[in-house]
N, C-alpha and C. Protein backbone atom coordinates (compact mmCIF):
# COMPACT_ATOMS: atom_id res chain seq x y z
N UNK A 1 50.01 25.33 37.10
CA UNK A 1 51.14 26.05 37.64
C UNK A 1 52.26 26.13 36.65
N UNK A 2 53.23 26.96 36.94
CA UNK A 2 54.37 27.13 36.05
C UNK A 2 55.35 25.97 36.24
N UNK A 3 55.89 25.51 35.14
CA UNK A 3 56.86 24.43 35.18
C UNK A 3 58.25 25.00 35.41
N UNK A 4 59.07 24.28 36.17
CA UNK A 4 60.41 24.78 36.46
C UNK A 4 61.49 24.03 35.69
N UNK A 5 61.10 23.05 34.87
CA UNK A 5 62.13 22.31 34.13
C UNK A 5 62.72 23.19 33.04
N UNK A 6 63.94 22.85 32.63
CA UNK A 6 64.64 23.65 31.62
C UNK A 6 63.82 23.73 30.34
N UNK A 7 63.25 22.61 29.90
CA UNK A 7 62.49 22.63 28.66
C UNK A 7 61.07 23.09 28.88
N UNK A 8 60.59 23.11 30.12
CA UNK A 8 59.21 23.46 30.39
C UNK A 8 58.95 24.94 30.53
N UNK A 9 60.00 25.76 30.57
CA UNK A 9 59.83 27.20 30.78
C UNK A 9 58.87 27.83 29.77
N UNK A 10 58.97 27.40 28.52
CA UNK A 10 58.20 28.05 27.46
C UNK A 10 57.01 27.20 27.02
N UNK A 11 56.76 26.11 27.72
CA UNK A 11 55.77 25.15 27.24
C UNK A 11 54.40 25.78 27.03
N UNK A 12 54.00 26.69 27.91
CA UNK A 12 52.68 27.29 27.80
C UNK A 12 52.55 28.12 26.52
N UNK A 13 53.68 28.62 26.02
CA UNK A 13 53.64 29.49 24.85
C UNK A 13 53.78 28.73 23.53
N UNK A 14 54.01 27.42 23.57
CA UNK A 14 54.21 26.67 22.34
C UNK A 14 52.90 26.53 21.60
N UNK A 15 52.90 26.93 20.34
CA UNK A 15 51.74 26.77 19.47
C UNK A 15 52.20 25.97 18.26
N UNK A 16 51.28 25.65 17.37
CA UNK A 16 51.65 24.91 16.17
C UNK A 16 52.71 25.67 15.37
N UNK A 17 52.62 27.01 15.35
CA UNK A 17 53.60 27.80 14.59
C UNK A 17 54.97 27.81 15.27
N UNK A 18 54.98 28.04 16.60
CA UNK A 18 56.27 28.09 17.29
C UNK A 18 56.89 26.69 17.38
N UNK A 19 56.07 25.65 17.32
CA UNK A 19 56.61 24.28 17.34
C UNK A 19 57.53 24.06 16.14
N UNK A 20 57.17 24.63 14.99
CA UNK A 20 58.02 24.51 13.79
C UNK A 20 59.36 25.23 13.99
N UNK A 21 59.30 26.35 14.70
CA UNK A 21 60.54 27.09 14.99
C UNK A 21 61.43 26.25 15.91
N UNK A 22 60.83 25.66 16.96
CA UNK A 22 61.59 24.81 17.87
C UNK A 22 62.17 23.60 17.13
N UNK A 23 61.37 23.02 16.23
CA UNK A 23 61.81 21.88 15.43
C UNK A 23 63.05 22.25 14.61
N UNK A 24 62.98 23.37 13.91
CA UNK A 24 64.12 23.82 13.09
C UNK A 24 65.33 24.14 13.98
N UNK A 25 65.08 24.79 15.12
CA UNK A 25 66.17 25.14 16.04
C UNK A 25 66.83 23.87 16.58
N UNK A 26 66.00 22.89 16.91
CA UNK A 26 66.53 21.63 17.44
C UNK A 26 67.36 20.87 16.42
N UNK A 27 66.89 20.82 15.18
CA UNK A 27 67.65 20.13 14.13
C UNK A 27 68.99 20.83 13.87
N UNK A 28 68.95 22.16 13.87
CA UNK A 28 70.18 22.94 13.66
C UNK A 28 71.16 22.69 14.81
N UNK A 29 70.66 22.72 16.04
CA UNK A 29 71.51 22.50 17.21
C UNK A 29 72.10 21.09 17.19
N UNK A 30 71.31 20.09 16.79
CA UNK A 30 71.82 18.72 16.70
C UNK A 30 72.92 18.64 15.64
N UNK A 31 72.74 19.37 14.55
CA UNK A 31 73.75 19.39 13.49
C UNK A 31 75.09 19.94 13.96
N UNK A 32 75.04 20.87 14.90
CA UNK A 32 76.32 21.40 15.42
C UNK A 32 76.69 20.77 16.76
N UNK A 33 76.01 19.69 17.10
CA UNK A 33 76.28 18.89 18.29
C UNK A 33 76.08 19.66 19.60
N UNK A 34 75.14 20.58 19.59
CA UNK A 34 74.74 21.29 20.81
C UNK A 34 73.55 20.51 21.37
N UNK A 35 73.86 19.41 22.06
CA UNK A 35 72.85 18.41 22.41
C UNK A 35 71.79 18.92 23.37
N UNK A 36 72.16 19.75 24.34
CA UNK A 36 71.17 20.24 25.31
C UNK A 36 70.15 21.14 24.63
N UNK A 37 70.61 22.07 23.81
CA UNK A 37 69.70 22.96 23.08
C UNK A 37 68.81 22.13 22.15
N UNK A 38 69.41 21.16 21.47
CA UNK A 38 68.64 20.31 20.57
C UNK A 38 67.57 19.55 21.34
N UNK A 39 67.94 18.97 22.47
CA UNK A 39 66.98 18.19 23.26
C UNK A 39 65.83 19.07 23.73
N UNK A 40 66.14 20.23 24.29
CA UNK A 40 65.09 21.12 24.80
C UNK A 40 64.15 21.57 23.67
N UNK A 41 64.72 22.01 22.55
CA UNK A 41 63.89 22.53 21.45
C UNK A 41 63.04 21.43 20.83
N UNK A 42 63.62 20.26 20.61
CA UNK A 42 62.86 19.18 19.98
C UNK A 42 61.76 18.66 20.90
N UNK A 43 62.01 18.62 22.20
CA UNK A 43 60.94 18.21 23.13
C UNK A 43 59.76 19.16 23.04
N UNK A 44 60.03 20.47 22.91
CA UNK A 44 58.96 21.45 22.80
C UNK A 44 58.19 21.31 21.48
N UNK A 45 58.86 20.84 20.43
CA UNK A 45 58.21 20.76 19.12
C UNK A 45 57.29 19.55 18.98
N UNK A 46 57.52 18.49 19.76
CA UNK A 46 56.81 17.22 19.55
C UNK A 46 55.29 17.34 19.64
N UNK A 47 54.81 18.17 20.54
CA UNK A 47 53.38 18.26 20.83
C UNK A 47 52.53 18.53 19.58
N UNK A 48 53.08 19.28 18.63
CA UNK A 48 52.29 19.69 17.47
C UNK A 48 52.72 19.00 16.18
N UNK A 49 53.66 18.08 16.26
CA UNK A 49 54.14 17.40 15.05
C UNK A 49 53.29 16.17 14.77
N UNK A 50 53.17 15.85 13.50
CA UNK A 50 52.46 14.63 13.10
C UNK A 50 53.21 13.98 11.93
N UNK A 51 52.91 12.71 11.70
CA UNK A 51 53.41 12.01 10.52
C UNK A 51 54.91 11.98 10.41
N UNK A 52 55.40 12.30 9.20
CA UNK A 52 56.84 12.23 8.92
C UNK A 52 57.64 13.24 9.75
N UNK A 53 57.06 14.43 9.96
CA UNK A 53 57.76 15.44 10.77
C UNK A 53 57.92 14.96 12.21
N UNK A 54 56.88 14.34 12.74
CA UNK A 54 56.96 13.82 14.11
C UNK A 54 58.05 12.76 14.20
N UNK A 55 58.08 11.84 13.24
CA UNK A 55 59.10 10.79 13.26
C UNK A 55 60.50 11.39 13.18
N UNK A 56 60.66 12.41 12.33
CA UNK A 56 61.98 13.05 12.21
C UNK A 56 62.36 13.78 13.50
N UNK A 57 61.39 14.47 14.11
CA UNK A 57 61.66 15.16 15.38
C UNK A 57 62.02 14.13 16.46
N UNK A 58 61.30 13.00 16.51
CA UNK A 58 61.60 11.96 17.49
C UNK A 58 63.00 11.39 17.26
N UNK A 59 63.36 11.18 15.99
CA UNK A 59 64.68 10.65 15.65
C UNK A 59 65.78 11.59 16.15
N UNK A 60 65.65 12.87 15.83
CA UNK A 60 66.65 13.85 16.26
C UNK A 60 66.68 14.01 17.77
N UNK A 61 65.51 13.96 18.41
CA UNK A 61 65.45 14.07 19.86
C UNK A 61 66.13 12.87 20.53
N UNK A 62 65.86 11.67 20.02
CA UNK A 62 66.49 10.48 20.60
C UNK A 62 68.01 10.56 20.49
N UNK A 63 68.52 10.98 19.33
CA UNK A 63 69.97 11.08 19.13
C UNK A 63 70.56 12.16 20.04
N UNK A 64 69.84 13.27 20.20
CA UNK A 64 70.31 14.34 21.10
C UNK A 64 70.37 13.82 22.54
N UNK A 65 69.33 13.09 22.97
CA UNK A 65 69.32 12.54 24.33
C UNK A 65 70.47 11.56 24.53
N UNK A 66 70.71 10.71 23.54
CA UNK A 66 71.76 9.70 23.66
C UNK A 66 73.14 10.34 23.76
N UNK A 67 73.31 11.50 23.15
CA UNK A 67 74.61 12.16 23.11
C UNK A 67 74.79 13.25 24.15
N UNK A 68 73.71 13.67 24.81
CA UNK A 68 73.75 14.80 25.72
C UNK A 68 74.31 14.37 27.08
N UNK A 69 75.53 14.81 27.44
CA UNK A 69 76.09 14.41 28.73
C UNK A 69 75.32 14.99 29.92
N UNK A 70 74.54 16.05 29.70
CA UNK A 70 73.74 16.63 30.79
C UNK A 70 72.37 15.96 30.93
N UNK A 71 72.00 15.10 29.99
CA UNK A 71 70.67 14.48 30.02
C UNK A 71 70.56 13.54 31.22
N UNK A 72 69.37 13.47 31.76
CA UNK A 72 69.11 12.52 32.84
C UNK A 72 69.29 11.11 32.29
N UNK A 73 69.75 10.20 33.12
CA UNK A 73 70.01 8.84 32.67
C UNK A 73 68.74 8.18 32.11
N UNK A 74 67.58 8.51 32.68
CA UNK A 74 66.33 7.93 32.18
C UNK A 74 66.07 8.40 30.75
N UNK A 75 66.43 9.65 30.42
CA UNK A 75 66.29 10.14 29.05
C UNK A 75 67.25 9.40 28.12
N UNK A 76 68.49 9.27 28.58
CA UNK A 76 69.52 8.66 27.73
C UNK A 76 69.23 7.19 27.45
N UNK A 77 68.66 6.50 28.40
CA UNK A 77 68.44 5.07 28.24
C UNK A 77 67.01 4.78 27.80
N UNK A 78 66.08 5.10 28.64
CA UNK A 78 64.70 4.67 28.42
C UNK A 78 63.97 5.50 27.37
N UNK A 79 63.93 6.81 27.55
CA UNK A 79 63.14 7.65 26.65
C UNK A 79 63.68 7.64 25.22
N UNK A 80 65.00 7.67 25.06
CA UNK A 80 65.57 7.66 23.71
C UNK A 80 65.17 6.38 22.98
N UNK A 81 65.27 5.25 23.66
CA UNK A 81 64.90 3.98 23.03
C UNK A 81 63.40 3.93 22.73
N UNK A 82 62.58 4.45 23.65
CA UNK A 82 61.13 4.49 23.40
C UNK A 82 60.81 5.30 22.15
N UNK A 83 61.48 6.44 21.98
CA UNK A 83 61.26 7.26 20.79
C UNK A 83 61.65 6.50 19.52
N UNK A 84 62.79 5.82 19.57
CA UNK A 84 63.25 5.09 18.38
C UNK A 84 62.31 3.93 18.05
N UNK A 85 61.83 3.22 19.06
CA UNK A 85 60.88 2.14 18.81
C UNK A 85 59.54 2.68 18.32
N UNK A 86 59.15 3.88 18.78
CA UNK A 86 57.91 4.50 18.28
C UNK A 86 58.04 4.79 16.78
N UNK A 87 59.22 5.25 16.37
CA UNK A 87 59.46 5.50 14.94
C UNK A 87 59.34 4.19 14.17
N UNK A 88 59.94 3.13 14.69
CA UNK A 88 59.89 1.84 13.99
C UNK A 88 58.46 1.31 13.89
N UNK A 89 57.61 1.66 14.84
CA UNK A 89 56.23 1.17 14.79
C UNK A 89 55.42 1.84 13.68
N UNK A 90 55.83 3.04 13.25
CA UNK A 90 55.07 3.76 12.22
C UNK A 90 55.85 3.98 10.92
N UNK A 91 57.17 3.98 10.98
CA UNK A 91 57.99 4.34 9.82
C UNK A 91 59.09 3.32 9.54
N UNK A 92 58.85 2.05 9.85
CA UNK A 92 59.90 1.03 9.76
C UNK A 92 60.51 0.93 8.38
N UNK A 93 59.74 1.12 7.33
CA UNK A 93 60.24 0.92 5.96
C UNK A 93 60.63 2.23 5.27
N UNK A 94 60.93 3.25 6.07
CA UNK A 94 61.33 4.54 5.52
C UNK A 94 62.80 4.81 5.86
N UNK A 95 63.35 5.88 5.29
CA UNK A 95 64.73 6.27 5.62
C UNK A 95 64.84 6.66 7.10
N UNK A 96 63.79 7.27 7.64
CA UNK A 96 63.78 7.63 9.06
C UNK A 96 63.82 6.36 9.91
N UNK A 97 63.08 5.34 9.49
CA UNK A 97 63.10 4.05 10.18
C UNK A 97 64.46 3.39 10.10
N UNK A 98 65.09 3.48 8.93
CA UNK A 98 66.44 2.92 8.77
C UNK A 98 67.40 3.58 9.73
N UNK A 99 67.31 4.91 9.85
CA UNK A 99 68.21 5.64 10.75
C UNK A 99 67.90 5.29 12.20
N UNK A 100 66.62 5.07 12.54
CA UNK A 100 66.26 4.65 13.90
C UNK A 100 66.89 3.30 14.22
N UNK A 101 66.85 2.37 13.25
CA UNK A 101 67.52 1.08 13.43
C UNK A 101 69.02 1.29 13.66
N UNK A 102 69.63 2.17 12.87
CA UNK A 102 71.07 2.42 13.01
C UNK A 102 71.38 2.95 14.42
N UNK A 103 70.61 3.95 14.89
CA UNK A 103 70.85 4.51 16.21
C UNK A 103 70.67 3.46 17.30
N UNK A 104 69.67 2.60 17.17
CA UNK A 104 69.48 1.51 18.14
C UNK A 104 70.65 0.54 18.09
N UNK A 105 71.17 0.29 16.89
CA UNK A 105 72.33 -0.58 16.76
C UNK A 105 73.54 0.00 17.46
N UNK A 106 73.78 1.28 17.25
CA UNK A 106 74.91 1.96 17.91
C UNK A 106 74.73 1.92 19.42
N UNK A 107 73.52 2.22 19.88
CA UNK A 107 73.25 2.23 21.32
C UNK A 107 73.53 0.86 21.93
N UNK A 108 73.02 -0.19 21.28
CA UNK A 108 73.23 -1.54 21.79
C UNK A 108 74.70 -1.94 21.75
N UNK A 109 75.40 -1.55 20.70
CA UNK A 109 76.82 -1.88 20.58
C UNK A 109 77.60 -1.30 21.77
N UNK A 110 77.35 -0.03 22.08
CA UNK A 110 78.11 0.61 23.15
C UNK A 110 77.61 0.23 24.53
N UNK A 111 76.54 -0.52 24.60
CA UNK A 111 76.09 -1.05 25.88
C UNK A 111 76.31 -2.55 25.95
N UNK A 112 77.10 -3.08 25.02
CA UNK A 112 77.57 -4.45 25.11
C UNK A 112 76.66 -5.52 24.55
N UNK A 113 75.52 -5.17 23.97
CA UNK A 113 74.60 -6.17 23.42
C UNK A 113 74.82 -6.28 21.92
N UNK A 114 75.83 -7.09 21.55
CA UNK A 114 76.22 -7.17 20.15
C UNK A 114 75.16 -7.87 19.29
N UNK A 115 74.46 -8.82 19.85
CA UNK A 115 73.42 -9.52 19.08
C UNK A 115 72.30 -8.55 18.70
N UNK A 116 71.86 -7.76 19.66
CA UNK A 116 70.80 -6.78 19.39
C UNK A 116 71.30 -5.70 18.44
N UNK A 117 72.57 -5.30 18.60
CA UNK A 117 73.16 -4.30 17.69
C UNK A 117 73.14 -4.83 16.26
N UNK A 118 73.58 -6.06 16.07
CA UNK A 118 73.62 -6.65 14.72
C UNK A 118 72.22 -6.70 14.12
N UNK A 119 71.23 -7.03 14.94
CA UNK A 119 69.85 -7.09 14.46
C UNK A 119 69.40 -5.73 13.92
N UNK A 120 69.75 -4.66 14.62
CA UNK A 120 69.34 -3.33 14.19
C UNK A 120 70.14 -2.85 12.98
N UNK A 121 71.43 -3.17 12.90
CA UNK A 121 72.20 -2.80 11.71
C UNK A 121 71.63 -3.52 10.49
N UNK A 122 71.24 -4.78 10.66
CA UNK A 122 70.62 -5.53 9.56
C UNK A 122 69.26 -4.92 9.20
N UNK A 123 68.50 -4.48 10.22
CA UNK A 123 67.22 -3.81 9.96
C UNK A 123 67.41 -2.54 9.15
N UNK A 124 68.44 -1.79 9.48
CA UNK A 124 68.76 -0.56 8.75
C UNK A 124 69.10 -0.90 7.30
N UNK A 125 69.96 -1.90 7.11
CA UNK A 125 70.38 -2.27 5.76
C UNK A 125 69.25 -2.91 4.95
N UNK A 126 68.28 -3.50 5.63
CA UNK A 126 67.12 -4.05 4.94
C UNK A 126 66.29 -2.96 4.27
N UNK A 127 66.28 -1.77 4.85
CA UNK A 127 65.55 -0.64 4.29
C UNK A 127 66.46 0.16 3.36
N UNK A 128 67.69 0.38 3.78
CA UNK A 128 68.65 1.17 3.00
C UNK A 128 69.95 0.38 2.86
N UNK A 129 70.07 -0.45 1.82
CA UNK A 129 71.27 -1.28 1.64
C UNK A 129 72.55 -0.46 1.43
N UNK A 130 72.41 0.84 1.17
CA UNK A 130 73.59 1.69 0.94
C UNK A 130 73.96 2.53 2.15
N UNK A 131 73.43 2.22 3.33
CA UNK A 131 73.74 2.99 4.54
C UNK A 131 75.18 2.65 4.95
N UNK A 132 76.09 3.56 4.67
CA UNK A 132 77.53 3.29 4.83
C UNK A 132 77.89 2.96 6.27
N UNK A 133 77.38 3.74 7.23
CA UNK A 133 77.75 3.51 8.63
C UNK A 133 77.24 2.15 9.10
N UNK A 134 76.01 1.79 8.72
CA UNK A 134 75.46 0.49 9.14
C UNK A 134 76.25 -0.65 8.50
N UNK A 135 76.65 -0.48 7.24
CA UNK A 135 77.48 -1.50 6.58
C UNK A 135 78.78 -1.70 7.35
N UNK A 136 79.42 -0.57 7.70
CA UNK A 136 80.69 -0.63 8.41
C UNK A 136 80.52 -1.31 9.77
N UNK A 137 79.50 -0.91 10.52
CA UNK A 137 79.28 -1.49 11.85
C UNK A 137 78.98 -2.98 11.76
N UNK A 138 78.17 -3.38 10.79
CA UNK A 138 77.84 -4.79 10.63
C UNK A 138 79.08 -5.59 10.26
N UNK A 139 79.92 -5.02 9.39
CA UNK A 139 81.16 -5.69 8.99
C UNK A 139 82.07 -5.88 10.21
N UNK A 140 82.18 -4.86 11.05
CA UNK A 140 83.01 -4.96 12.26
C UNK A 140 82.47 -6.04 13.18
N UNK A 141 81.15 -6.05 13.40
CA UNK A 141 80.56 -7.06 14.27
C UNK A 141 80.74 -8.46 13.69
N UNK A 142 80.54 -8.61 12.38
CA UNK A 142 80.72 -9.91 11.74
C UNK A 142 82.16 -10.40 11.88
N UNK A 143 83.09 -9.47 11.74
CA UNK A 143 84.51 -9.83 11.85
C UNK A 143 84.84 -10.27 13.27
N UNK A 144 84.29 -9.57 14.25
CA UNK A 144 84.54 -9.93 15.66
C UNK A 144 83.93 -11.28 16.01
N UNK A 145 82.76 -11.53 15.44
CA UNK A 145 82.04 -12.75 15.74
C UNK A 145 82.67 -13.96 15.07
N UNK A 146 83.27 -13.75 13.92
CA UNK A 146 83.85 -14.87 13.17
C UNK A 146 82.77 -15.60 12.40
N UNK A 147 83.17 -16.52 11.54
CA UNK A 147 82.19 -17.25 10.74
C UNK A 147 81.33 -18.16 11.61
N UNK A 148 80.05 -18.22 11.30
CA UNK A 148 79.14 -19.08 12.05
C UNK A 148 78.79 -20.29 11.21
N UNK A 149 78.84 -21.48 11.80
CA UNK A 149 78.35 -22.65 11.07
C UNK A 149 76.86 -22.50 10.80
N UNK A 150 76.39 -23.00 9.69
CA UNK A 150 74.99 -22.85 9.31
C UNK A 150 74.06 -23.40 10.39
N UNK A 151 74.46 -24.46 11.06
CA UNK A 151 73.58 -25.07 12.07
C UNK A 151 73.48 -24.24 13.34
N UNK A 152 74.44 -23.33 13.58
CA UNK A 152 74.46 -22.57 14.83
C UNK A 152 73.91 -21.16 14.69
N UNK A 153 73.50 -20.78 13.48
CA UNK A 153 73.04 -19.40 13.28
C UNK A 153 71.92 -19.06 14.25
N UNK A 154 72.13 -18.00 15.01
CA UNK A 154 71.11 -17.51 15.91
C UNK A 154 70.99 -18.30 17.21
N UNK A 155 71.62 -19.45 17.32
CA UNK A 155 71.43 -20.25 18.52
C UNK A 155 72.58 -20.19 19.50
N UNK A 156 73.68 -19.60 19.12
CA UNK A 156 74.84 -19.59 19.99
C UNK A 156 74.79 -18.40 20.94
N UNK A 157 75.13 -18.60 22.21
CA UNK A 157 75.15 -17.46 23.14
C UNK A 157 76.19 -16.43 22.70
N UNK A 158 75.88 -15.18 22.96
CA UNK A 158 76.74 -14.09 22.51
C UNK A 158 78.17 -14.22 23.04
N UNK A 159 78.33 -14.60 24.29
CA UNK A 159 79.65 -14.64 24.91
C UNK A 159 80.58 -15.68 24.31
N UNK A 160 80.07 -16.66 23.60
CA UNK A 160 80.93 -17.71 23.05
C UNK A 160 81.33 -17.43 21.62
N UNK A 161 81.07 -16.23 21.13
CA UNK A 161 81.28 -15.93 19.71
C UNK A 161 82.74 -16.06 19.30
N UNK A 162 83.61 -15.22 19.82
CA UNK A 162 84.99 -15.24 19.36
C UNK A 162 85.89 -14.84 20.52
N UNK A 163 86.73 -15.71 20.93
CA UNK A 163 87.60 -15.42 22.07
C UNK A 163 88.68 -14.40 21.73
N UNK A 164 88.95 -14.21 20.46
CA UNK A 164 90.01 -13.26 20.08
C UNK A 164 89.43 -11.90 19.72
N UNK A 165 88.16 -11.68 20.02
CA UNK A 165 87.54 -10.41 19.63
C UNK A 165 88.15 -9.25 20.43
N UNK A 166 88.12 -8.09 19.81
CA UNK A 166 88.62 -6.88 20.45
C UNK A 166 87.55 -6.41 21.42
N UNK A 167 87.95 -6.05 22.63
CA UNK A 167 86.98 -5.62 23.64
C UNK A 167 86.39 -4.28 23.24
N UNK A 168 85.09 -4.12 23.42
CA UNK A 168 84.44 -2.84 23.17
C UNK A 168 84.55 -2.02 24.45
N UNK A 169 84.31 -0.70 24.36
CA UNK A 169 84.38 0.10 25.58
C UNK A 169 83.47 -0.44 26.69
N UNK A 170 82.29 -0.93 26.34
CA UNK A 170 81.36 -1.42 27.36
C UNK A 170 81.85 -2.71 28.01
N UNK A 171 82.65 -3.49 27.29
CA UNK A 171 83.09 -4.78 27.82
C UNK A 171 84.51 -4.74 28.38
N UNK A 172 85.19 -3.60 28.30
CA UNK A 172 86.59 -3.56 28.67
C UNK A 172 86.82 -3.80 30.17
N UNK A 173 85.81 -3.56 30.99
CA UNK A 173 85.97 -3.75 32.43
C UNK A 173 85.93 -5.21 32.86
N UNK A 174 85.67 -6.13 31.96
CA UNK A 174 85.52 -7.53 32.33
C UNK A 174 86.77 -8.34 32.05
N UNK A 175 87.89 -7.68 31.77
CA UNK A 175 89.08 -8.41 31.36
C UNK A 175 89.89 -8.94 32.55
N UNK A 176 89.46 -8.70 33.77
CA UNK A 176 90.18 -9.20 34.93
C UNK A 176 91.19 -8.20 35.47
N UNK A 177 91.40 -7.09 34.77
CA UNK A 177 92.34 -6.09 35.24
C UNK A 177 91.62 -5.14 36.20
N UNK A 178 92.40 -4.57 37.12
CA UNK A 178 91.84 -3.59 38.03
C UNK A 178 91.61 -2.30 37.26
N UNK A 179 90.43 -1.72 37.43
CA UNK A 179 90.12 -0.50 36.71
C UNK A 179 90.23 0.69 37.66
N UNK A 180 90.97 1.72 37.25
CA UNK A 180 91.08 2.94 38.05
C UNK A 180 89.88 3.81 37.74
N UNK A 181 89.31 4.38 38.77
CA UNK A 181 88.16 5.25 38.57
C UNK A 181 88.34 6.53 39.37
N UNK A 182 87.62 7.55 38.96
CA UNK A 182 87.57 8.78 39.74
C UNK A 182 88.54 9.86 39.31
N UNK A 183 89.59 9.54 38.57
CA UNK A 183 90.56 10.56 38.22
C UNK A 183 90.24 11.25 36.91
N UNK A 184 89.43 10.61 36.09
CA UNK A 184 89.07 11.23 34.82
C UNK A 184 87.58 11.04 34.57
N UNK A 185 87.04 11.96 33.76
CA UNK A 185 85.62 11.91 33.42
C UNK A 185 85.39 10.76 32.44
N UNK A 186 84.33 9.99 32.66
CA UNK A 186 83.98 8.92 31.71
C UNK A 186 83.71 9.55 30.35
N UNK A 187 84.13 8.93 29.27
CA UNK A 187 83.80 9.51 27.95
C UNK A 187 82.29 9.46 27.72
N UNK A 188 81.80 10.49 27.04
CA UNK A 188 80.38 10.51 26.72
C UNK A 188 80.10 9.48 25.64
N UNK A 189 78.83 9.20 25.44
CA UNK A 189 78.42 8.29 24.37
C UNK A 189 79.00 8.76 23.05
N UNK A 190 78.90 10.07 22.80
CA UNK A 190 79.40 10.64 21.55
C UNK A 190 80.91 10.46 21.42
N UNK A 191 81.66 10.68 22.51
CA UNK A 191 83.12 10.50 22.48
C UNK A 191 83.48 9.04 22.23
N UNK A 192 82.71 8.11 22.82
CA UNK A 192 82.99 6.70 22.57
C UNK A 192 82.71 6.35 21.11
N UNK A 193 81.71 7.02 20.53
CA UNK A 193 81.34 6.72 19.15
C UNK A 193 82.32 7.34 18.15
N UNK A 194 82.66 8.60 18.35
CA UNK A 194 83.46 9.32 17.36
C UNK A 194 84.87 9.66 17.82
N UNK A 195 85.22 9.38 19.06
CA UNK A 195 86.53 9.75 19.58
C UNK A 195 86.49 11.15 20.16
N UNK A 196 87.46 11.44 21.02
CA UNK A 196 87.52 12.76 21.65
C UNK A 196 87.94 13.81 20.65
N UNK A 197 87.39 15.03 20.79
CA UNK A 197 87.82 16.16 19.95
C UNK A 197 89.21 16.56 20.41
N UNK A 198 90.04 16.86 19.46
CA UNK A 198 91.39 17.26 19.80
C UNK A 198 91.59 18.73 19.61
């Protein structure tokens, strides 16, 4: 039967040749931050991609899902992470793998798991020591955490790291203050990462 999903409309017509067109369209749309178009096009391209192209399509699709405010929550949380971990299973020591680690680090940071975020930023830097964004994020996390005694490395619970740390957007609701809700739209993942467009 015919599919009624937004990305499924053209699925029957996707061939190996048109998959490349969708792949290029999706990458272009992601570059201009048109996340819904990028997500739809890249999902259509995956079926015929293999090897490095598949990993790159998965990387761009995961980032589009994470940033797309119209994406279903299951896409934003579960499917995006599954795609990134799939990349790490086949391309861990490549630049695509480094970027997958970086995206997982960002995702974990904005969802409050600083230990997991640090692990992925370190994974990114292990493959690409010159990854500027990962260096910056790791430096910020290290600064918030404070110096660790050699005997406590890896063994201290995340919450006991540094009492003077700056609250992240994900942790700001735990400060004991009453939070007002409903009057404004929650910032998207992209807005939390890069700030609102002015």
